[in-house]
Structure formats: C-alpha cells, structure tokens
C-alpha cells in the first residue's frame, strides 16, 4: 500500500512541508534559487505533479498539471519520494537504480537533493500533523 492515499494527500503533505521549510529555514532553498530553474516533480502511485518555481525568489510551489516547460523534470513513485524525505534513500543511488528518472538540466539536480535533505527534519512532523503514520518516519 502506498504511503499517500491519493494525490490530494500527496499535495497536502508537500504543501505543508515546503511551506514550513521556507518559513523555518529560508536558507534551505537558497541553492535551488541560485539555479534559476523550474522543477517538475512527477509522482506516480498516486499520480501528481509538484512544481517548484525557483527561477526568481521567493520559491513558489504549485500542484497539479501546468502547461510549462521545466528545466528539470524528476519522475518517481510517491513511496520513493517518501523514502528520500525520511532519509532512507538519496537521489544519486535512486537514479542509478532507476527508481528516479531525471530529464533536463541534470547537473542542477544536486540543488534539489540539498532541499530534500533540509526537508528531512521537518517531514516526520508534517506526516504526524496530517495523520499519516508510516514505518521509518520518526
């Protein structure tokens, strides 16, 4: 069974997570903003799209389909995103094992990894606040 019941729950968790990261640690998004790119995270199981607009400050997040052309597109299962956010998986091994597919300006994906690392301390609290209990989450 997937960690996220549906795309609405995925979006609610992502929105709460990124809002808290920006509010509590604005420096966490600094490296991503330096890349000046639009990132599209495409999730499967559940299906969803999370957009990170880092072309200009402040970082903006959008959820659902947009008719834009991202500089970086990262596709993964919702459970893979969860594993990254609880610190059980990092981007490089996930890409090597083809758990994540990356298209576009791949060399800029490191900044996304840094953002995910900053999310790890907040993510378990967001899950609890959303009423989601999973093994591996603190």
Protein backbone atom coordinates (compact mmCIF):
# COMPACT_ATOMS: atom_id res chain seq x y z
CA UNK A 1 0.00 0.00 0.00
CA UNK A 2 1.28 3.45 -0.88
CA UNK A 3 2.20 5.94 1.85
CA UNK A 4 -0.09 8.53 0.25
CA UNK A 5 -3.72 7.54 -0.17
CA UNK A 6 -4.30 9.83 -3.15
CA UNK A 7 -2.94 12.88 -4.95
CA UNK A 8 -4.81 15.25 -2.62
CA UNK A 9 -2.97 13.81 0.37
CA UNK A 10 0.34 13.98 -1.51
CA UNK A 11 -0.31 17.66 -2.30
CA UNK A 12 -1.36 18.46 1.27
CA UNK A 13 1.83 16.93 2.67
CA UNK A 14 4.05 18.60 0.06
CA UNK A 15 2.41 22.00 0.60
CA UNK A 16 2.79 21.79 4.38
CA UNK A 17 6.37 20.56 4.06
CA UNK A 18 7.63 23.21 1.64
CA UNK A 19 5.78 25.98 3.49
CA UNK A 20 7.47 25.01 6.75
CA UNK A 21 10.90 24.65 5.17
CA UNK A 22 10.68 28.12 3.62
CA UNK A 23 9.33 29.66 6.85
CA UNK A 24 11.70 27.92 9.26
CA UNK A 25 14.85 27.77 7.17
CA UNK A 26 14.81 30.20 4.21
CA UNK A 27 18.43 29.38 3.51
CA UNK A 28 17.38 25.83 2.69
CA UNK A 29 16.04 26.96 -0.67
CA UNK A 30 18.91 29.35 -1.47
CA UNK A 31 20.89 26.86 -3.57
CA UNK A 32 17.80 25.87 -5.53
CA UNK A 33 17.00 29.53 -6.20
CA UNK A 34 20.57 30.05 -7.48
CA UNK A 35 19.86 27.52 -10.24
CA UNK A 36 17.09 29.81 -11.57
CA UNK A 37 15.04 26.89 -12.85
CA UNK A 38 11.56 25.48 -12.87
CA UNK A 39 11.37 21.94 -11.48
CA UNK A 40 8.57 19.48 -12.13
CA UNK A 41 8.30 16.53 -9.76
CA UNK A 42 6.09 13.91 -11.35
CA UNK A 43 4.83 11.29 -8.94
CA UNK A 44 3.18 8.01 -9.67
CA UNK A 45 1.15 5.95 -7.21
CA UNK A 46 -0.51 8.32 -6.50
CA UNK A 47 -0.31 10.40 -9.67
CA UNK A 48 0.57 14.02 -9.10
CA UNK A 49 2.75 16.91 -10.14
CA UNK A 50 4.62 19.19 -7.77
CA UNK A 51 6.16 22.28 -9.33
CA UNK A 52 8.97 24.25 -7.70
CA UNK A 53 9.38 27.68 -9.27
CA UNK A 54 12.94 28.69 -8.44
CA UNK A 55 13.51 31.00 -11.41
CA UNK A 56 13.24 34.01 -9.11
CA UNK A 57 12.73 34.47 -5.36
CA UNK A 58 10.72 33.56 -3.48
CA UNK A 59 10.38 29.84 -4.11
CA UNK A 60 6.82 29.11 -5.23
CA UNK A 61 5.13 25.73 -5.26
CA UNK A 62 2.26 24.67 -7.48
CA UNK A 63 0.34 21.40 -7.51
CA UNK A 64 -1.27 19.62 -10.44
CA UNK A 65 -0.72 19.90 -14.17
CA UNK A 66 0.69 23.13 -15.61
CA UNK A 67 1.44 23.89 -19.23
CA UNK A 68 5.00 25.00 -18.62
CA UNK A 69 8.40 23.71 -19.72
CA UNK A 70 10.59 22.85 -16.75
CA UNK A 71 14.37 22.96 -16.89
CA UNK A 72 14.43 19.84 -14.70
CA UNK A 73 11.88 17.04 -14.51
CA UNK A 74 12.12 14.31 -11.90
CA UNK A 75 9.78 11.32 -12.04
CA UNK A 76 9.34 8.84 -9.19
CA UNK A 77 6.78 6.87 -7.24
CA UNK A 78 5.22 8.55 -4.23
CA UNK A 79 6.84 5.94 -1.98
CA UNK A 80 10.26 6.78 -3.44
CA UNK A 81 9.71 10.44 -2.61
CA UNK A 82 8.73 9.36 0.91
CA UNK A 83 11.93 7.29 1.27
CA UNK A 84 14.01 10.30 0.22
CA UNK A 85 12.22 12.59 2.65
CA UNK A 86 12.71 10.24 5.62
CA UNK A 87 16.38 9.83 4.72
CA UNK A 88 16.30 6.17 3.68
CA UNK A 89 17.29 6.97 0.09
CA UNK A 90 19.33 9.67 -1.62
CA UNK A 91 18.99 10.96 -5.16
CA UNK A 92 22.19 9.51 -6.66
CA UNK A 93 21.54 5.86 -5.73
CA UNK A 94 17.86 6.22 -6.65
CA UNK A 95 18.82 7.49 -10.11
CA UNK A 96 21.40 4.71 -10.51
CA UNK A 97 18.75 2.09 -9.61
CA UNK A 98 16.27 3.77 -11.96
CA UNK A 99 13.84 4.49 -9.12
CA UNK A 100 14.01 8.09 -10.31
CA UNK A 101 14.10 9.30 -13.90
CA UNK A 102 15.64 12.73 -14.47
CA UNK A 103 15.30 14.82 -17.63
CA UNK A 104 16.64 18.24 -18.44
CA UNK A 105 19.47 20.08 -16.72
CA UNK A 106 20.56 17.05 -14.74
CA UNK A 107 23.66 18.74 -13.31
CA UNK A 108 21.36 21.09 -11.39
CA UNK A 109 19.60 18.22 -9.63
CA UNK A 110 22.13 18.45 -6.78
CA UNK A 111 20.35 21.57 -5.52
CA UNK A 112 17.15 19.54 -5.31
CA UNK A 113 18.99 16.93 -3.24
CA UNK A 114 20.09 19.67 -0.84
CA UNK A 115 16.49 20.86 -0.49
CA UNK A 116 15.32 17.30 0.22
CA UNK A 117 17.99 16.97 2.92
CA UNK A 118 16.66 20.11 4.58
CA UNK A 119 13.13 18.68 4.44
CA UNK A 120 14.10 15.53 6.32
CA UNK A 121 13.95 17.03 9.81
CA UNK A 122 10.51 18.56 9.20
CA UNK A 123 8.89 15.76 7.19
CA UNK A 124 8.07 13.39 10.10
CA UNK A 125 6.30 16.25 11.90
CA UNK A 126 4.30 17.07 8.77
CA UNK A 127 3.27 13.42 8.40
CA UNK A 128 2.05 13.31 12.01
CA UNK A 129 0.16 16.60 11.58
CA UNK A 130 -1.54 15.11 8.50
CA UNK A 131 -2.45 11.95 10.42
CA UNK A 132 -0.11 9.68 8.45
CA UNK A 133 1.83 7.06 10.38
CA UNK A 134 4.43 5.08 8.49
CA UNK A 135 7.26 2.77 9.45
CA UNK A 136 10.57 4.58 9.18
CA UNK A 137 9.20 8.04 9.93
CA UNK A 138 10.40 9.30 13.30
